[in-house]
Amino acid sequence: MAKPDFNFNPGDLSRVIEMAWEDRTPFDAIQTTYGLNESAVIGLMRQQLKASSYRMWRKRVVNRTTKHAALRVPGINRAYCPTQYKP
């Protein structure tokens, strides 16, 4: 099976991985920002992380309500805390 080719610059690649690790950033936010659906994010994480880190990440995000917009509490429509990125 050929590895998918993700053509991101190092900064964008790092940001996608960071967003995937964040508990409160849903996959929908990653798709909106970078055009990667959940399965593409899974493939990217499998390709970029060490095997043990990938397994830890998958265990962490499977069925996590905050990572799946459809499972979130209605009314939460943001990807991150408003105070997360301070100037």
PDB file of N, CA and C in Angstrom:
ATOM      1  N   MET A   1       0.844  -1.176   0.000  1.00  0.00           N
ATOM      2  CA  MET A   1       0.000   0.000   0.000  1.00  0.00           C
ATOM      3  C   MET A   1       0.885   1.233   0.000  1.00  0.00           C
ATOM      4  N   ALA A   2       0.669   2.164  -0.912  1.00  0.00           N
ATOM      5  CA  ALA A   2       1.478   3.373  -1.023  1.00  0.00           C
ATOM      6  C   ALA A   2       1.070   4.374   0.059  1.00  0.00           C
ATOM      7  N   LYS A   3       2.070   5.075   0.575  1.00  0.00           N
ATOM      8  CA  LYS A   3       1.790   6.110   1.566  1.00  0.00           C
ATOM      9  C   LYS A   3       1.214   7.332   0.863  1.00  0.00           C
ATOM     10  N   PRO A   4       0.185   7.947   1.465  1.00  0.00           N
ATOM     11  CA  PRO A   4      -0.363   9.157   0.851  1.00  0.00           C
ATOM     12  C   PRO A   4       0.666  10.288   0.925  1.00  0.00           C
ATOM     13  N   ASP A   5       0.622  11.188  -0.054  1.00  0.00           N
ATOM     14  CA  ASP A   5       1.554  12.295  -0.105  1.00  0.00           C
ATOM     15  C   ASP A   5       0.840  13.561   0.364  1.00  0.00           C
ATOM     16  N   PHE A   6       1.233  14.066   1.504  1.00  0.00           N
ATOM     17  CA  PHE A   6       0.654  15.287   2.044  1.00  0.00           C
ATOM     18  C   PHE A   6       1.621  16.422   1.746  1.00  0.00           C
ATOM     19  N   ASN A   7       1.231  17.311   0.848  1.00  0.00           N
ATOM     20  CA  ASN A   7       2.105  18.401   0.427  1.00  0.00           C
ATOM     21  C   ASN A   7       1.872  19.636   1.283  1.00  0.00           C
ATOM     22  N   PHE A   8       2.373  19.600   2.498  1.00  0.00           N
ATOM     23  CA  PHE A   8       2.289  20.730   3.402  1.00  0.00           C
ATOM     24  C   PHE A   8       3.683  21.246   3.685  1.00  0.00           C
ATOM     25  N   ASN A   9       3.791  22.552   3.885  1.00  0.00           N
ATOM     26  CA  ASN A   9       5.080  23.056   4.334  1.00  0.00           C
ATOM     27  C   ASN A   9       5.239  22.638   5.794  1.00  0.00           C
ATOM     28  N   PRO A  10       6.449  22.667   6.327  1.00  0.00           N
ATOM     29  CA  PRO A  10       6.671  22.180   7.699  1.00  0.00           C
ATOM     30  C   PRO A  10       5.803  22.873   8.751  1.00  0.00           C
ATOM     31  N   GLY A  11       5.543  24.162   8.579  1.00  0.00           N
ATOM     32  CA  GLY A  11       4.705  24.883   9.538  1.00  0.00           C
ATOM     33  C   GLY A  11       3.268  24.399   9.537  1.00  0.00           C
ATOM     34  N   ASP A  12       2.700  24.210   8.345  1.00  0.00           N
ATOM     35  CA  ASP A  12       1.326  23.723   8.234  1.00  0.00           C
ATOM     36  C   ASP A  12       1.211  22.283   8.726  1.00  0.00           C
ATOM     37  N   LEU A  13       2.197  21.465   8.391  1.00  0.00           N
ATOM     38  CA  LEU A  13       2.199  20.083   8.855  1.00  0.00           C
ATOM     39  C   LEU A  13       2.216  20.030  10.379  1.00  0.00           C
ATOM     40  N   SER A  14       3.058  20.847  10.970  1.00  0.00           N
ATOM     41  CA  SER A  14       3.138  20.916  12.431  1.00  0.00           C
ATOM     42  C   SER A  14       1.810  21.368  13.028  1.00  0.00           C
ATOM     43  N   ARG A  15       1.157  22.340  12.392  1.00  0.00           N
ATOM     44  CA  ARG A  15      -0.113  22.858  12.905  1.00  0.00           C
ATOM     45  C   ARG A  15      -1.216  21.809  12.789  1.00  0.00           C
ATOM     46  N   VAL A  16      -1.252  21.055  11.695  1.00  0.00           N
ATOM     47  CA  VAL A  16      -2.264  20.000  11.554  1.00  0.00           C
ATOM     48  C   VAL A  16      -2.077  18.962  12.663  1.00  0.00           C
ATOM     49  N   ILE A  17      -0.843  18.552  12.903  1.00  0.00           N
ATOM     50  CA  ILE A  17      -0.575  17.572  13.959  1.00  0.00           C
ATOM     51  C   ILE A  17      -0.964  18.138  15.316  1.00  0.00           C
ATOM     52  N   GLU A  18      -0.647  19.397  15.552  1.00  0.00           N
ATOM     53  CA  GLU A  18      -1.014  20.040  16.822  1.00  0.00           C
ATOM     54  C   GLU A  18      -2.528  20.076  16.993  1.00  0.00           C
ATOM     55  N   MET A  19      -3.251  20.442  15.935  1.00  0.00           N
ATOM     56  CA  MET A  19      -4.713  20.486  16.005  1.00  0.00           C
ATOM     57  C   MET A  19      -5.289  19.103  16.258  1.00  0.00           C
ATOM     58  N   ALA A  20      -4.688  18.079  15.648  1.00  0.00           N
ATOM     59  CA  ALA A  20      -5.172  16.710  15.844  1.00  0.00           C
ATOM     60  C   ALA A  20      -4.967  16.261  17.288  1.00  0.00           C
ATOM     61  N   TRP A  21      -3.883  16.691  17.924  1.00  0.00           N
ATOM     62  CA  TRP A  21      -3.619  16.321  19.313  1.00  0.00           C
ATOM     63  C   TRP A  21      -4.496  17.078  20.301  1.00  0.00           C
ATOM     64  N   GLU A  22      -4.923  18.295  19.931  1.00  0.00           N
ATOM     65  CA  GLU A  22      -5.722  19.109  20.849  1.00  0.00           C
ATOM     66  C   GLU A  22      -7.077  18.449  21.086  1.00  0.00           C
ATOM     67  N   ASP A  23      -7.459  18.349  22.339  1.00  0.00           N
ATOM     68  CA  ASP A  23      -8.720  17.697  22.689  1.00  0.00           C
ATOM     69  C   ASP A  23      -9.939  18.446  22.174  1.00  0.00           C
ATOM     70  N   ARG A  24      -9.905  19.742  22.180  1.00  0.00           N
ATOM     71  CA  ARG A  24     -11.094  20.518  21.858  1.00  0.00           C
ATOM     72  C   ARG A  24     -11.161  21.003  20.414  1.00  0.00           C
ATOM     73  N   THR A  25     -10.234  20.598  19.579  1.00  0.00           N
ATOM     74  CA  THR A  25     -10.282  20.969  18.163  1.00  0.00           C
ATOM     75  C   THR A  25     -10.908  19.822  17.385  1.00  0.00           C
ATOM     76  N   PRO A  26     -12.129  20.021  16.860  1.00  0.00           N
ATOM     77  CA  PRO A  26     -12.791  18.930  16.133  1.00  0.00           C
ATOM     78  C   PRO A  26     -12.154  18.695  14.765  1.00  0.00           C
ATOM     79  N   PHE A  27     -12.350  17.501  14.250  1.00  0.00           N
ATOM     80  CA  PHE A  27     -11.851  17.171  12.926  1.00  0.00           C
ATOM     81  C   PHE A  27     -12.435  18.106  11.873  1.00  0.00           C
ATOM     82  N   ASP A  28     -13.647  18.598  12.103  1.00  0.00           N
ATOM     83  CA  ASP A  28     -14.276  19.522  11.158  1.00  0.00           C
ATOM     84  C   ASP A  28     -13.473  20.809  11.017  1.00  0.00           C
ATOM     85  N   ALA A  29     -12.855  21.272  12.098  1.00  0.00           N
ATOM     86  CA  ALA A  29     -12.034  22.486  12.042  1.00  0.00           C
ATOM     87  C   ALA A  29     -10.785  22.245  11.200  1.00  0.00           C
ATOM     88  N   ILE A  30     -10.215  21.056  11.306  1.00  0.00           N
ATOM     89  CA  ILE A  30      -9.049  20.710  10.497  1.00  0.00           C
ATOM     90  C   ILE A  30      -9.448  20.642   9.029  1.00  0.00           C
ATOM     91  N   GLN A  31     -10.617  20.084   8.757  1.00  0.00           N
ATOM     92  CA  GLN A  31     -11.087  19.996   7.379  1.00  0.00           C
ATOM     93  C   GLN A  31     -11.350  21.382   6.809  1.00  0.00           C
ATOM     94  N   THR A  32     -11.947  22.255   7.586  1.00  0.00           N
ATOM     95  CA  THR A  32     -12.226  23.611   7.120  1.00  0.00           C
ATOM     96  C   THR A  32     -10.939  24.374   6.834  1.00  0.00           C
ATOM     97  N   THR A  33      -9.957  24.219   7.706  1.00  0.00           N
ATOM     98  CA  THR A  33      -8.714  24.979   7.590  1.00  0.00           C
ATOM     99  C   THR A  33      -7.753  24.386   6.559  1.00  0.00           C
ATOM    100  N   TYR A  34      -7.608  23.059   6.552  1.00  0.00           N
ATOM    101  CA  TYR A  34      -6.588  22.423   5.717  1.00  0.00           C
ATOM    102  C   TYR A  34      -7.128  21.457   4.661  1.00  0.00           C
ATOM    103  N   GLY A  35      -8.449  21.247   4.638  1.00  0.00           N
ATOM    104  CA  GLY A  35      -9.036  20.390   3.616  1.00  0.00           C
ATOM    105  C   GLY A  35      -8.840  18.900   3.840  1.00  0.00           C
ATOM    106  N   LEU A  36      -8.522  18.496   5.069  1.00  0.00           N
ATOM    107  CA  LEU A  36      -8.322  17.078   5.379  1.00  0.00           C
ATOM    108  C   LEU A  36      -9.502  16.568   6.192  1.00  0.00           C
ATOM    109  N   ASN A  37     -10.175  15.534   5.682  1.00  0.00           N
ATOM    110  CA  ASN A  37     -11.254  14.949   6.472  1.00  0.00           C
ATOM    111  C   ASN A  37     -10.646  14.049   7.562  1.00  0.00           C
ATOM    112  N   GLU A  38     -11.490  13.467   8.374  1.00  0.00           N
ATOM    113  CA  GLU A  38     -11.007  12.671   9.503  1.00  0.00           C
ATOM    114  C   GLU A  38     -10.096  11.530   9.057  1.00  0.00           C
ATOM    115  N   SER A  39     -10.481  10.817   8.002  1.00  0.00           N
ATOM    116  CA  SER A  39      -9.650   9.691   7.562  1.00  0.00           C
ATOM    117  C   SER A  39      -8.303  10.166   7.021  1.00  0.00           C
ATOM    118  N   ALA A  40      -8.262  11.335   6.385  1.00  0.00           N
ATOM    119  CA  ALA A  40      -6.987  11.881   5.905  1.00  0.00           C
ATOM    120  C   ALA A  40      -6.098  12.305   7.080  1.00  0.00           C
ATOM    121  N   VAL A  41      -6.705  12.848   8.133  1.00  0.00           N
ATOM    122  CA  VAL A  41      -5.936  13.220   9.327  1.00  0.00           C
ATOM    123  C   VAL A  41      -5.357  11.958   9.966  1.00  0.00           C
ATOM    124  N   ILE A  42      -6.151  10.903  10.019  1.00  0.00           N
ATOM    125  CA  ILE A  42      -5.671   9.633  10.576  1.00  0.00           C
ATOM    126  C   ILE A  42      -4.478   9.128   9.756  1.00  0.00           C
ATOM    127  N   GLY A  43      -4.586   9.186   8.433  1.00  0.00           N
ATOM    128  CA  GLY A  43      -3.489   8.760   7.571  1.00  0.00           C
ATOM    129  C   GLY A  43      -2.241   9.613   7.763  1.00  0.00           C
ATOM    130  N   LEU A  44      -2.429  10.922   7.882  1.00  0.00           N
ATOM    131  CA  LEU A  44      -1.297  11.820   8.106  1.00  0.00           C
ATOM    132  C   LEU A  44      -0.619  11.516   9.436  1.00  0.00           C
ATOM    133  N   MET A  45      -1.414  11.313  10.467  1.00  0.00           N
ATOM    134  CA  MET A  45      -0.853  11.023  11.791  1.00  0.00           C
ATOM    135  C   MET A  45      -0.114   9.680  11.767  1.00  0.00           C
ATOM    136  N   ARG A  46      -0.662   8.706  11.077  1.00  0.00           N
ATOM    137  CA  ARG A  46      -0.001   7.395  10.979  1.00  0.00           C
ATOM    138  C   ARG A  46       1.348   7.541  10.282  1.00  0.00           C
ATOM    139  N   GLN A  47       1.391   8.375   9.259  1.00  0.00           N
ATOM    140  CA  GLN A  47       2.614   8.567   8.479  1.00  0.00           C
ATOM    141  C   GLN A  47       3.659   9.376   9.250  1.00  0.00           C
ATOM    142  N   GLN A  48       3.228  10.379  10.001  1.00  0.00           N
ATOM    143  CA  GLN A  48       4.160  11.326  10.598  1.00  0.00           C
ATOM    144  C   GLN A  48       4.626  10.964  12.009  1.00  0.00           C
ATOM    145  N   LEU A  49       3.821  10.204  12.750  1.00  0.00           N
ATOM    146  CA  LEU A  49       4.166   9.889  14.140  1.00  0.00           C
ATOM    147  C   LEU A  49       4.860   8.536  14.238  1.00  0.00           C
ATOM    148  N   LYS A  50       5.601   8.371  15.319  1.00  0.00           N
ATOM    149  CA  LYS A  50       6.128   7.039  15.628  1.00  0.00           C
ATOM    150  C   LYS A  50       4.934   6.130  15.921  1.00  0.00           C
ATOM    151  N   ALA A  51       5.119   4.839  15.749  1.00  0.00           N
ATOM    152  CA  ALA A  51       4.019   3.884  15.925  1.00  0.00           C
ATOM    153  C   ALA A  51       3.399   3.984  17.313  1.00  0.00           C
ATOM    154  N   SER A  52       4.219   4.088  18.342  1.00  0.00           N
ATOM    155  CA  SER A  52       3.680   4.159  19.705  1.00  0.00           C
ATOM    156  C   SER A  52       2.917   5.467  19.932  1.00  0.00           C
ATOM    157  N   SER A  53       3.402   6.565  19.361  1.00  0.00           N
ATOM    158  CA  SER A  53       2.705   7.853  19.483  1.00  0.00           C
ATOM    159  C   SER A  53       1.383   7.816  18.740  1.00  0.00           C
ATOM    160  N   TYR A  54       1.374   7.189  17.573  1.00  0.00           N
ATOM    161  CA  TYR A  54       0.137   7.054  16.803  1.00  0.00           C
ATOM    162  C   TYR A  54      -0.902   6.252  17.579  1.00  0.00           C
ATOM    163  N   ARG A  55      -0.496   5.124  18.147  1.00  0.00           N
ATOM    164  CA  ARG A  55      -1.437   4.298  18.929  1.00  0.00           C
ATOM    165  C   ARG A  55      -1.981   5.083  20.122  1.00  0.00           C
ATOM    166  N   MET A  56      -1.130   5.847  20.785  1.00  0.00           N
ATOM    167  CA  MET A  56      -1.564   6.656  21.931  1.00  0.00           C
ATOM    168  C   MET A  56      -2.580   7.707  21.469  1.00  0.00           C
ATOM    169  N   TRP A  57      -2.313   8.345  20.323  1.00  0.00           N
ATOM    170  CA  TRP A  57      -3.215   9.363  19.801  1.00  0.00           C
ATOM    171  C   TRP A  57      -4.564   8.755  19.419  1.00  0.00           C
ATOM    172  N   ARG A  58      -4.541   7.605  18.725  1.00  0.00           N
ATOM    173  CA  ARG A  58      -5.796   6.964  18.322  1.00  0.00           C
ATOM    174  C   ARG A  58      -6.630   6.573  19.537  1.00  0.00           C
ATOM    175  N   LYS A  59      -5.972   6.032  20.539  1.00  0.00           N
ATOM    176  CA  LYS A  59      -6.687   5.651  21.751  1.00  0.00           C
ATOM    177  C   LYS A  59      -7.332   6.883  22.386  1.00  0.00           C
ATOM    178  N   ARG A  60      -6.649   8.003  22.308  1.00  0.00           N
ATOM    179  CA  ARG A  60      -7.127   9.236  22.917  1.00  0.00           C
ATOM    180  C   ARG A  60      -8.326   9.829  22.176  1.00  0.00           C
ATOM    181  N   VAL A  61      -8.352   9.768  20.847  1.00  0.00           N
ATOM    182  CA  VAL A  61      -9.394  10.466  20.088  1.00  0.00           C
ATOM    183  C   VAL A  61     -10.597   9.613  19.696  1.00  0.00           C
ATOM    184  N   VAL A  62     -10.496   8.305  19.797  1.00  0.00           N
ATOM    185  CA  VAL A  62     -11.618   7.453  19.406  1.00  0.00           C
ATOM    186  C   VAL A  62     -12.830   7.755  20.289  1.00  0.00           C
ATOM    187  N   ASN A  63     -13.918   8.107  19.644  1.00  0.00           N
ATOM    188  CA  ASN A  63     -15.195   8.414  20.311  1.00  0.00           C
ATOM    189  C   ASN A  63     -15.129   9.583  21.282  1.00  0.00           C
ATOM    190  N   ARG A  64     -14.112  10.414  21.196  1.00  0.00           N
ATOM    191  CA  ARG A  64     -14.038  11.617  22.040  1.00  0.00           C
ATOM    192  C   ARG A  64     -15.050  12.626  21.501  1.00  0.00           C
ATOM    193  N   THR A  65     -15.980  13.024  22.322  1.00  0.00           N
ATOM    194  CA  THR A  65     -17.062  13.900  21.852  1.00  0.00           C
ATOM    195  C   THR A  65     -16.550  15.248  21.380  1.00  0.00           C
ATOM    196  N   THR A  66     -15.471  15.747  21.952  1.00  0.00           N
ATOM    197  CA  THR A  66     -14.984  17.054  21.542  1.00  0.00           C
ATOM    198  C   THR A  66     -14.274  17.025  20.204  1.00  0.00           C
ATOM    199  N   LYS A  67     -13.862  15.852  19.718  1.00  0.00           N
ATOM    200  CA  LYS A  67     -13.190  15.750  18.427  1.00  0.00           C
ATOM    201  C   LYS A  67     -14.177  15.546  17.280  1.00  0.00           C
ATOM    202  N   HIS A  68     -15.418  15.271  17.586  1.00  0.00           N
ATOM    203  CA  HIS A  68     -16.424  15.027  16.566  1.00  0.00           C
ATOM    204  C   HIS A  68     -17.564  16.016  16.770  1.00  0.00           C
ATOM    205  N   ALA A  69     -17.719  16.932  15.845  1.00  0.00           N
ATOM    206  CA  ALA A  69     -18.718  17.990  15.984  1.00  0.00           C
ATOM    207  C   ALA A  69     -20.125  17.436  16.170  1.00  0.00           C
ATOM    208  N   ALA A  70     -20.425  16.321  15.542  1.00  0.00           N
ATOM    209  CA  ALA A  70     -21.767  15.738  15.657  1.00  0.00           C
ATOM    210  C   ALA A  70     -22.049  15.239  17.075  1.00  0.00           C
ATOM    211  N   LEU A  71     -21.017  14.930  17.830  1.00  0.00           N
ATOM    212  CA  LEU A  71     -21.195  14.425  19.190  1.00  0.00           C
ATOM    213  C   LEU A  71     -21.099  15.526  20.248  1.00  0.00           C
ATOM    214  N   ARG A  72     -20.739  16.732  19.834  1.00  0.00           N
ATOM    215  CA  ARG A  72     -20.575  17.833  20.778  1.00  0.00           C
ATOM    216  C   ARG A  72     -21.905  18.322  21.319  1.00  0.00           C
ATOM    217  N   VAL A  73     -21.833  18.986  22.442  1.00  0.00           N
ATOM    218  CA  VAL A  73     -23.004  19.624  23.026  1.00  0.00           C
ATOM    219  C   VAL A  73     -23.456  20.730  22.077  1.00  0.00           C
ATOM    220  N   PRO A  74     -24.745  20.807  21.767  1.00  0.00           N
ATOM    221  CA  PRO A  74     -25.211  21.871  20.872  1.00  0.00           C
ATOM    222  C   PRO A  74     -24.854  23.246  21.441  1.00  0.00           C
ATOM    223  N   GLY A  75     -24.520  24.158  20.566  1.00  0.00           N
ATOM    224  CA  GLY A  75     -24.180  25.505  21.003  1.00  0.00           C
ATOM    225  C   GLY A  75     -22.687  25.775  21.037  1.00  0.00           C
ATOM    226  N   ILE A  76     -21.872  24.724  21.008  1.00  0.00           N
ATOM    227  CA  ILE A  76     -20.429  24.929  20.955  1.00  0.00           C
ATOM    228  C   ILE A  76     -20.044  24.917  19.489  1.00  0.00           C
ATOM    229  N   ASN A  77     -19.738  26.093  18.958  1.00  0.00           N
ATOM    230  CA  ASN A  77     -19.442  26.173  17.534  1.00  0.00           C
ATOM    231  C   ASN A  77     -18.047  26.735  17.263  1.00  0.00           C
ATOM    232  N   ARG A  78     -17.172  26.690  18.235  1.00  0.00           N
ATOM    233  CA  ARG A  78     -15.818  27.182  18.036  1.00  0.00           C
ATOM    234  C   ARG A  78     -14.841  26.013  18.093  1.00  0.00           C
ATOM    235  N   ALA A  79     -13.667  26.217  17.545  1.00  0.00           N
ATOM    236  CA  ALA A  79     -12.659  25.168  17.516  1.00  0.00           C
ATOM    237  C   ALA A  79     -11.699  25.267  18.688  1.00  0.00           C
ATOM    238  N   TYR A  80     -11.623  26.443  19.304  1.00  0.00           N
ATOM    239  CA  TYR A  80     -10.683  26.619  20.407  1.00  0.00           C
ATOM    240  C   TYR A  80     -11.205  27.672  21.364  1.00  0.00           C
ATOM    241  N   CYS A  81     -10.612  27.752  22.513  1.00  0.00           N
ATOM    242  CA  CYS A  81     -10.992  28.735  23.522  1.00  0.00           C
ATOM    243  C   CYS A  81     -10.629  30.133  23.025  1.00  0.00           C
ATOM    244  N   PRO A  82     -11.512  31.125  23.197  1.00  0.00           N
ATOM    245  CA  PRO A  82     -11.213  32.476  22.711  1.00  0.00           C
ATOM    246  C   PRO A  82      -9.931  33.076  23.305  1.00  0.00           C
ATOM    247  N   THR A  83      -9.522  32.612  24.479  1.00  0.00           N
ATOM    248  CA  THR A  83      -8.319  33.156  25.095  1.00  0.00           C
ATOM    249  C   THR A  83      -7.076  32.328  24.801  1.00  0.00           C
ATOM    250  N   GLN A  84      -7.204  31.302  23.966  1.00  0.00           N
ATOM    251  CA  GLN A  84      -6.076  30.398  23.689  1.00  0.00           C
ATOM    252  C   GLN A  84      -4.949  31.113  22.958  1.00  0.00           C
ATOM    253  N   TYR A  85      -5.279  31.942  21.998  1.00  0.00           N
ATOM    254  CA  TYR A  85      -4.266  32.638  21.197  1.00  0.00           C
ATOM    255  C   TYR A  85      -4.246  34.103  21.571  1.00  0.00           C
ATOM    256  N   LYS A  86      -3.457  34.432  22.561  1.00  0.00           N
ATOM    257  CA  LYS A  86      -3.356  35.810  23.034  1.00  0.00           C
ATOM    258  C   LYS A  86      -2.255  36.528  22.271  1.00  0.00           C
ATOM    259  N   PRO A  87      -2.460  37.822  21.976  1.00  0.00           N
ATOM    260  CA  PRO A  87      -1.424  38.588  21.263  1.00  0.00           C
ATOM    261  C   PRO A  87      -0.197  38.829  22.108  1.00  0.00           C
TER     262      PRO A  87
END
